[in-house]
Structure formats: C-alpha cells, structure tokens
C-alpha cells in the first residue's frame, strides 16, 4: 500500500515545473489589477455621470445634450489613448546591437576586465552610439547580451532592454518608451480633461447637496454625483502634477530616467545633451504633422535607436566625468555615495568569468 501511494506522488521536477508555471500566470494576472481598477472606476463614473447626473438630475434637454456630447468625446479620446498605451508593441532592439556567438565566446574566454572592455569597445565601434557609462565604458547589458542603444535601458519587469525607456508604469502594465510615449502623454492629457470636466459640471450640484437644496426624490443618485465630484477632484490633482512633470520632460527632451541621472557623452555628463529646443523636442515626440498631434497615432520622429545630439557631443573624445550627479530639475550634488552604482560586476554563470553589467 505504501509503495502504491508513493508511486502516485508527482516527481520533484514535474512538481517544480508546475509550480513555476502557476507562479508565472499568477504574476501576469496580478500585473493587470491596476488596469482593471482604472477600468472599473471609469465604468462607474459613466453610470454616475450619464445616468444619475444627465438623465436623472438635469432637467434641461439642451444642457443634457451639451454635457453628453462633450463627455463622450473626452471619454472616447481618453479610452483610445489609454488602450494604445497599454497594447503598444514594444519593439525589440535591432540585431546589430547583439553580440555574435563568436564575440560572446571571446568575451567569456578572457580573464581580465580590461580585455572584456576592449572586446566590447571593438564590437561597438561601428554602432551609432554616443553615450557611455559614468566610467567611460560602452553601455552593455549582460542579461540581454547586447550593447545598449542610446537612451535604452533594461526593464526588470519586462526582462529585456527597451528603446528610450522612460519608466515601467503599472497603471498601463507596459513600459513607457519610444513606441508609446506620445500615447502616454495623450492619455494623461485626456484623463486630466475628463476629470476636470466631470468635476466642473458636478460642482453646482455638489454645492446644492452641501446646502441641502438638492431634491431628495432620487436620494441614492445624488450620492453618486457627490462621489463622482470627489473622485474626479482626487484624480485631477494627481494627473495634473504628473502631466505637468512630463510636459517639462518633453520640453527638455529627457526621460524620467535621464532626469534622475544625466546621460554621459564623450564630453561628460549633460542633462540637456539631447535637447534641440522646446519646439523641436515637442516634434520629436509628437511628429511633424500638426493635424495628428491630438490623435493617438504613432508619429514620433526617428527609429528609437539614434537621436540628434548637440554639436559638442558628436566628435569629442571621451573625457572622465566630474564627480557630480544631476537631479531631475538640473541641480547637482556630490556623487561619492554613487561611485559604486554605475557598474556592477557579476559572475558569469557559464564559465566563471566576469562581464560588466552597465546600469
């Protein structure tokens, strides 16, 4: 009996494999919870605004139609931008940035860090890159085994390098990067307008409720209107600050990551190294066709790998950077505490060699 029970138990490898698969799917489902929360709030706000405010509270037919038309236009643009941000296809890094099999074997066969740097430098000499690490090395990702294009970074959530990565946003379950940054900006703008419109049109009825002048005939509905006002106010405050900050980044041609650590060029760190003037910076994100600026249609300039830089960064030889670190609004402070953060040396699992991990 004992032997038959023991034979029915799953083997350890199969059990571990099933556990990893279950864990992976649970993690994927968990990452969609913020998106489902936003969708649920918007769905409830549609009921509160359209049914409870426009149909049940407002008596004027003209006012109803004006409110409904404006509301649905904002809702459609908001939902369109939000969907494009979520489901934008984050493109892969071009194959020319990946180390070939021969280069990788050569990298793993050497013993010293200087030899490894030399191999990566020789591989990257024909690539269109102008940025380096704080110590002057080529920006190399030892997880993706590639030389990072300018402004690309490795996303630990997506487990890959992403072109012009701004940040990984849990509210869209996607990386905000080159492919969807315009969509993200429009999502913030239309979400802010959506909240401001609901807040402003619900305000007179909130004042009536506060004064006790609102009719008690539809008492459950009036609480939906009051809650809609407060929820719209709360989101408008947070969206306004976030949208204002990203407008600042667009005007200066920076990503969120570059705002906290200035990119390093051959002439040193420069927080404005990619800035071409406010209007040109705007067109780099939103494109050159004004009739498409307000629509979530991809019109960004470039291929995500190469970017125009200021003239002083194009032909200079690399010089060691000063011991300073740029903060988001351009101020500097000592970076002694960050001197070990620019490069971390990890043991390569295959042959016990070390390869540089540039962050």
Protein backbone atom coordinates (compact mmCIF):
# COMPACT_ATOMS: atom_id res chain seq x y z
CA UNK A 1 0.00 0.00 0.00
CA UNK A 2 2.78 2.40 0.92
CA UNK A 3 4.57 1.71 -2.35
CA UNK A 4 1.43 2.35 -4.39
CA UNK A 5 0.81 5.67 -2.62
CA UNK A 6 4.41 6.68 -3.11
CA UNK A 7 4.28 5.87 -6.82
CA UNK A 8 1.29 8.17 -7.28
CA UNK A 9 3.14 11.22 -5.97
CA UNK A 10 4.39 13.60 -8.65
CA UNK A 11 8.10 13.63 -9.25
CA UNK A 12 10.05 16.62 -7.93
CA UNK A 13 11.00 18.09 -11.36
CA UNK A 14 7.40 17.96 -12.59
CA UNK A 15 6.13 19.47 -9.35
CA UNK A 16 8.64 22.33 -9.55
CA UNK A 17 7.76 22.95 -13.19
CA UNK A 18 4.05 23.14 -12.42
CA UNK A 19 4.72 25.48 -9.51
CA UNK A 20 6.81 27.83 -11.65
CA UNK A 21 4.14 27.86 -14.38
CA UNK A 22 1.39 28.59 -11.84
CA UNK A 23 3.50 31.32 -10.25
CA UNK A 24 4.17 32.90 -13.65
CA UNK A 25 0.48 33.04 -14.57
CA UNK A 26 -0.46 34.42 -11.16
CA UNK A 27 2.14 37.15 -11.54
CA UNK A 28 0.86 38.02 -15.02
CA UNK A 29 -2.71 38.25 -13.71
CA UNK A 30 -1.60 40.34 -10.74
CA UNK A 31 0.02 42.91 -13.06
CA UNK A 32 -3.38 43.56 -14.68
CA UNK A 33 -5.04 44.55 -11.38
CA UNK A 34 -4.17 48.30 -11.64
CA UNK A 35 -5.58 48.38 -15.18
CA UNK A 36 -8.77 46.63 -14.04
CA UNK A 37 -9.08 49.15 -11.21
CA UNK A 38 -8.91 52.07 -13.66
CA UNK A 39 -11.45 50.41 -15.97
CA UNK A 40 -13.79 49.79 -13.03
CA UNK A 41 -13.61 53.40 -11.86
CA UNK A 42 -14.27 54.72 -15.37
CA UNK A 43 -17.22 52.32 -15.78
CA UNK A 44 -18.75 53.50 -12.51
CA UNK A 45 -18.14 57.16 -13.45
CA UNK A 46 -20.03 56.56 -16.70
CA UNK A 47 -23.07 55.36 -14.74
CA UNK A 48 -22.81 58.19 -12.22
CA UNK A 49 -22.42 60.93 -14.82
CA UNK A 50 -24.61 59.79 -17.71
CA UNK A 51 -27.50 58.22 -15.83
CA UNK A 52 -27.53 59.86 -12.43
CA UNK A 53 -26.48 63.38 -13.43
CA UNK A 54 -27.53 63.89 -17.04
CA UNK A 55 -30.70 61.76 -17.20
CA UNK A 56 -31.94 61.80 -13.60
CA UNK A 57 -30.89 65.20 -12.25
CA UNK A 58 -30.55 67.72 -15.10
CA UNK A 59 -33.93 68.85 -16.41
CA UNK A 60 -32.86 70.96 -19.40
CA UNK A 61 -32.68 68.91 -22.61
CA UNK A 62 -30.17 71.32 -24.17
CA UNK A 63 -27.88 71.11 -21.15
CA UNK A 64 -28.16 67.32 -21.20
CA UNK A 65 -27.10 67.05 -24.83
CA UNK A 66 -24.21 69.52 -24.44
CA UNK A 67 -22.89 67.66 -21.42
CA UNK A 68 -23.33 64.25 -23.05
CA UNK A 69 -21.59 65.21 -26.30
CA UNK A 70 -18.55 66.75 -24.58
CA UNK A 71 -18.37 63.89 -22.08
CA UNK A 72 -18.41 61.17 -24.73
CA UNK A 73 -15.80 62.93 -26.89
CA UNK A 74 -13.43 63.12 -23.91
CA UNK A 75 -14.22 59.55 -22.89
CA UNK A 76 -13.52 58.19 -26.38
CA UNK A 77 -10.20 60.05 -26.68
CA UNK A 78 -9.21 59.01 -23.16
CA UNK A 79 -10.06 55.34 -23.76
CA UNK A 80 -8.37 55.34 -27.18
CA UNK A 81 -5.14 56.81 -25.78
CA UNK A 82 -5.20 54.51 -22.77
CA UNK A 83 -5.70 51.41 -24.91
CA UNK A 84 -2.90 52.40 -27.29
CA UNK A 85 -0.55 52.93 -24.34
CA UNK A 86 -1.39 49.53 -22.87
CA UNK A 87 -1.26 47.48 -26.05
CA UNK A 88 1.55 49.29 -27.87
CA UNK A 89 4.06 46.82 -29.27
CA UNK A 90 7.40 47.46 -27.59
CA UNK A 91 9.81 46.68 -30.40
CA UNK A 92 12.90 44.55 -29.98
CA UNK A 93 16.41 46.00 -30.10
CA UNK A 94 17.84 45.62 -33.65
CA UNK A 95 20.01 42.55 -34.11
CA UNK A 96 23.15 44.56 -34.90
CA UNK A 97 23.42 45.52 -31.21
CA UNK A 98 23.54 41.89 -30.03
CA UNK A 99 26.89 40.21 -29.58
CA UNK A 100 27.52 37.47 -32.11
CA UNK A 101 28.30 33.95 -30.95
CA UNK A 102 31.98 34.43 -31.74
CA UNK A 103 32.17 37.71 -29.83
CA UNK A 104 30.39 36.19 -26.85
CA UNK A 105 32.74 33.21 -26.77
CA UNK A 106 35.68 35.58 -26.99
CA UNK A 107 34.22 37.66 -24.14
CA UNK A 108 33.82 34.60 -21.93
CA UNK A 109 37.30 33.29 -22.66
CA UNK A 110 39.31 36.28 -21.40
CA UNK A 111 40.40 36.64 -17.80
CA UNK A 112 40.60 40.37 -17.07
CA UNK A 113 38.07 43.16 -17.06
CA UNK A 114 40.24 45.31 -19.33
CA UNK A 115 40.22 42.62 -22.02
CA UNK A 116 36.45 42.34 -21.75
CA UNK A 117 36.10 46.11 -22.13
CA UNK A 118 38.34 46.04 -25.19
CA UNK A 119 36.24 43.32 -26.85
CA UNK A 120 33.02 45.25 -26.24
CA UNK A 121 34.63 48.50 -27.43
CA UNK A 122 35.79 46.87 -30.67
CA UNK A 123 32.34 45.38 -31.25
CA UNK A 124 30.62 48.74 -30.66
CA UNK A 125 32.99 50.94 -32.67
CA UNK A 126 30.77 50.84 -35.78
CA UNK A 127 27.46 51.21 -33.92
CA UNK A 128 25.71 54.61 -33.87
CA UNK A 129 26.09 55.24 -30.13
CA UNK A 130 27.33 58.41 -28.41
CA UNK A 131 26.53 57.74 -24.74
CA UNK A 132 28.72 55.92 -22.25
CA UNK A 133 28.70 54.93 -18.61
CA UNK A 134 29.97 57.19 -15.85
CA UNK A 135 33.37 55.47 -16.05
CA UNK A 136 33.62 55.77 -19.84
CA UNK A 137 32.71 52.21 -20.83
CA UNK A 138 30.32 51.18 -23.57
CA UNK A 139 26.84 50.61 -22.13
CA UNK A 140 26.50 46.83 -22.17
CA UNK A 141 23.69 44.62 -20.83
CA UNK A 142 24.95 41.22 -19.68
CA UNK A 143 21.39 39.90 -19.33
CA UNK A 144 20.34 40.61 -22.92
CA UNK A 145 23.95 40.25 -24.20
CA UNK A 146 23.83 43.43 -26.25
CA UNK A 147 25.33 46.88 -26.48
CA UNK A 148 22.60 49.27 -25.42
CA UNK A 149 21.49 51.86 -28.00
CA UNK A 150 21.44 55.46 -26.82
CA UNK A 151 18.70 56.05 -24.22
CA UNK A 152 17.84 52.33 -23.99
CA UNK A 153 17.68 50.63 -20.59
CA UNK A 154 16.96 47.18 -19.23
CA UNK A 155 13.50 46.79 -17.69
CA UNK A 156 13.48 44.28 -14.85
CA UNK A 157 9.70 43.81 -15.13
CA UNK A 158 9.70 43.12 -18.89
CA UNK A 159 13.07 41.28 -18.63
CA UNK A 160 14.51 42.95 -21.72
CA UNK A 161 16.13 46.15 -22.94
CA UNK A 162 13.69 48.82 -24.08
CA UNK A 163 14.29 51.65 -26.57
CA UNK A 164 14.18 55.14 -24.99
CA UNK A 165 12.78 53.72 -21.80
CA UNK A 166 11.03 56.31 -19.62
CA UNK A 167 9.68 54.02 -16.88
CA UNK A 168 7.58 50.90 -16.38
CA UNK A 169 4.07 52.04 -15.49
CA UNK A 170 1.89 49.61 -13.50
CA UNK A 171 -1.24 51.59 -14.43
CA UNK A 172 -0.81 50.61 -18.08
CA UNK A 173 1.00 47.29 -17.45
CA UNK A 174 3.60 48.26 -20.01
CA UNK A 175 6.85 50.11 -20.42
CA UNK A 176 6.51 53.78 -21.34
CA UNK A 177 9.11 54.10 -24.07
CA UNK A 178 9.77 55.25 -27.62
CA UNK A 179 6.85 53.38 -29.17
CA UNK A 180 4.11 54.65 -26.84
CA UNK A 181 5.38 57.83 -25.17
CA UNK A 182 3.13 60.01 -27.32
CA UNK A 183 0.16 57.79 -26.42
CA UNK A 184 1.09 58.07 -22.74
CA UNK A 185 1.18 61.88 -22.92
CA UNK A 186 -2.21 61.98 -24.65
CA UNK A 187 -3.59 59.52 -22.09
CA UNK A 188 -2.54 61.86 -19.27
CA UNK A 189 -3.94 64.91 -21.08
CA UNK A 190 -7.33 63.41 -21.90
CA UNK A 191 -7.64 61.75 -18.48
CA UNK A 192 -6.99 65.15 -16.88
CA UNK A 193 -9.56 66.87 -19.12
CA UNK A 194 -12.04 64.07 -18.40
CA UNK A 195 -11.68 64.56 -14.64
CA UNK A 196 -11.80 68.36 -14.87
CA UNK A 197 -14.98 68.24 -16.96
CA UNK A 198 -16.73 65.88 -14.53
CA UNK A 199 -15.57 67.94 -11.57
CA UNK A 200 -16.69 71.28 -13.04
CA UNK A 201 -20.12 70.04 -14.18
CA UNK A 202 -20.81 68.24 -10.89
CA UNK A 203 -19.71 71.21 -8.78
CA UNK A 204 -23.07 73.12 -8.86
CA UNK A 205 -24.92 70.01 -7.73
CA UNK A 206 -22.35 69.32 -5.04
CA UNK A 207 -22.95 72.86 -3.72
CA UNK A 208 -26.72 72.25 -3.75
CA UNK A 209 -26.18 69.00 -1.88
CA UNK A 210 -23.97 70.76 0.67
CA UNK A 211 -26.63 73.42 1.24
CA UNK A 212 -29.42 70.85 1.39
CA UNK A 213 -31.14 72.26 -1.69
CA UNK A 214 -30.94 69.11 -3.83
CA UNK A 215 -34.20 67.22 -4.22
CA UNK A 216 -34.43 64.12 -2.05
CA UNK A 217 -36.64 62.30 -4.55
CA UNK A 218 -33.63 60.49 -6.03
CA UNK A 219 -31.56 60.36 -2.85
CA UNK A 220 -29.39 57.34 -3.81
CA UNK A 221 -28.43 59.02 -7.09
CA UNK A 222 -27.28 62.26 -5.51
CA UNK A 223 -24.58 60.39 -3.57
CA UNK A 224 -23.19 59.08 -6.85
CA UNK A 225 -22.87 62.67 -8.07
CA UNK A 226 -21.11 63.76 -4.88
CA UNK A 227 -18.72 60.80 -5.02
CA UNK A 228 -18.05 61.45 -8.71
CA UNK A 229 -17.04 65.02 -7.83
CA UNK A 230 -14.60 63.91 -5.14
CA UNK A 231 -13.11 61.08 -7.21
CA UNK A 232 -12.64 63.42 -10.19
CA UNK A 233 -11.02 66.02 -7.91
CA UNK A 234 -8.62 63.46 -6.44
CA UNK A 235 -7.54 62.12 -9.83
CA UNK A 236 -7.30 65.61 -11.34
CA UNK A 237 -4.77 66.64 -8.68
CA UNK A 238 -2.56 63.59 -9.23
CA UNK A 239 -2.89 63.64 -13.02
CA UNK A 240 -2.20 67.37 -13.15
CA UNK A 241 1.10 67.04 -11.31
CA UNK A 242 2.17 64.02 -13.38
CA UNK A 243 1.18 65.62 -16.68
CA UNK A 244 2.95 68.86 -15.78
CA UNK A 245 6.15 66.98 -14.95
CA UNK A 246 6.09 65.07 -18.24
CA UNK A 247 5.46 68.30 -20.15
CA UNK A 248 8.65 69.59 -18.55
CA UNK A 249 10.48 66.43 -19.66
CA UNK A 250 9.19 66.72 -23.23
CA UNK A 251 10.22 70.39 -23.44
CA UNK A 252 13.75 69.45 -22.35
CA UNK A 253 13.91 66.13 -24.27
CA UNK A 254 14.54 63.96 -21.24
CA UNK A 255 13.14 60.70 -20.00
CA UNK A 256 12.32 60.09 -16.35
CA UNK A 257 15.48 58.00 -16.02
CA UNK A 258 17.59 60.74 -17.62
CA UNK A 259 16.04 63.31 -15.31
CA UNK A 260 17.43 61.47 -12.30
CA UNK A 261 20.76 60.58 -13.88
CA UNK A 262 22.05 62.75 -16.71
CA UNK A 263 23.27 60.84 -19.80
CA UNK A 264 27.02 60.63 -20.20
CA UNK A 265 28.55 61.75 -23.51
CA UNK A 266 32.10 61.80 -24.77
CA UNK A 267 32.47 65.28 -23.32
CA UNK A 268 30.97 64.36 -19.96
CA UNK A 269 27.52 64.30 -18.36
CA UNK A 270 24.97 66.66 -19.86
CA UNK A 271 21.34 66.77 -18.77
CA UNK A 272 20.48 68.73 -21.94
CA UNK A 273 22.54 66.63 -24.35
CA UNK A 274 19.53 65.57 -26.45
CA UNK A 275 17.69 68.90 -26.21
CA UNK A 276 17.20 70.70 -29.54
CA UNK A 277 14.93 73.48 -28.33
CA UNK A 278 11.44 73.20 -26.85
CA UNK A 279 9.53 73.09 -30.15
CA UNK A 280 11.91 70.64 -31.83
CA UNK A 281 11.78 68.47 -28.71
CA UNK A 282 7.98 68.52 -28.89
CA UNK A 283 8.04 67.49 -32.56
CA UNK A 284 10.42 64.62 -31.79
CA UNK A 285 7.68 63.07 -29.64
CA UNK A 286 4.51 64.22 -31.43
CA UNK A 287 5.77 64.32 -35.01
CA UNK A 288 5.80 66.95 -37.74
CA UNK A 289 2.11 66.82 -38.72
CA UNK A 290 0.04 69.17 -36.51
CA UNK A 291 -3.24 67.56 -37.61
CA UNK A 292 -2.17 64.32 -35.86
CA UNK A 293 -0.76 65.80 -32.66
CA UNK A 294 -4.01 65.30 -30.71
CA UNK A 295 -4.65 61.76 -32.00
CA UNK A 296 -3.10 58.59 -30.53
CA UNK A 297 -1.48 57.65 -33.83
CA UNK A 298 2.25 56.98 -33.88
CA UNK A 299 4.06 59.95 -35.43
CA UNK A 300 7.24 60.17 -33.34
CA UNK A 301 10.42 61.05 -35.25
CA UNK A 302 13.23 58.53 -35.63
CA UNK A 303 13.75 54.81 -35.13
CA UNK A 304 14.26 54.74 -31.36
CA UNK A 305 17.98 53.91 -31.64
CA UNK A 306 19.59 57.08 -32.98
CA UNK A 307 18.93 60.62 -31.77
CA UNK A 308 20.31 64.00 -32.79
CA UNK A 309 22.57 65.50 -30.15
CA UNK A 310 24.20 68.84 -29.61
CA UNK A 311 27.24 69.54 -31.75
CA UNK A 312 29.71 69.43 -28.88
CA UNK A 313 28.85 65.77 -28.22
CA UNK A 314 29.26 64.49 -31.77
CA UNK A 315 33.04 64.41 -32.35
CA UNK A 316 34.70 64.88 -28.97
CA UNK A 317 36.78 62.15 -27.44
CA UNK A 318 35.56 60.82 -24.15
CA UNK A 319 36.73 62.62 -21.04
CA UNK A 320 36.31 61.42 -17.47
CA UNK A 321 33.26 62.87 -15.83
CA UNK A 322 33.38 65.22 -12.89
CA UNK A 323 32.32 63.84 -9.54
CA UNK A 324 28.75 65.15 -9.68
CA UNK A 325 25.29 63.80 -10.29
CA UNK A 326 22.38 65.64 -11.89
CA UNK A 327 18.99 65.62 -10.26
CA UNK A 328 15.64 65.92 -12.03
CA UNK A 329 15.47 69.72 -12.18
CA UNK A 330 19.12 70.26 -13.10
CA UNK A 331 20.72 70.72 -9.66
CA UNK A 332 23.87 68.81 -8.77
CA UNK A 333 25.29 67.25 -5.66
CA UNK A 334 28.28 65.11 -4.74
CA UNK A 335 28.12 61.55 -6.01
CA UNK A 336 30.61 59.90 -3.69
CA UNK A 337 27.84 57.67 -2.40
CA UNK A 338 27.03 56.66 -6.01
CA UNK A 339 30.58 55.80 -7.12
CA UNK A 340 29.91 52.06 -6.93
CA UNK A 341 26.48 52.22 -8.65
CA UNK A 342 27.43 52.93 -12.27
CA UNK A 343 28.93 49.49 -12.85
CA UNK A 344 28.30 46.23 -11.05
CA UNK A 345 30.45 43.23 -11.83
CA UNK A 346 28.59 39.96 -11.79
CA UNK A 347 29.89 36.43 -12.13
CA UNK A 348 29.02 34.92 -15.47
CA UNK A 349 27.23 31.61 -14.69
CA UNK A 350 28.60 29.72 -17.65
CA UNK A 351 32.34 29.69 -17.16
CA UNK A 352 33.02 31.63 -14.02
CA UNK A 353 34.07 34.76 -15.95
CA UNK A 354 33.04 38.28 -15.09
CA UNK A 355 31.30 40.54 -17.59
CA UNK A 356 30.30 44.15 -16.97
CA UNK A 357 26.69 44.96 -16.18
CA UNK A 358 26.08 48.59 -17.01
CA UNK A 359 23.01 50.11 -15.37
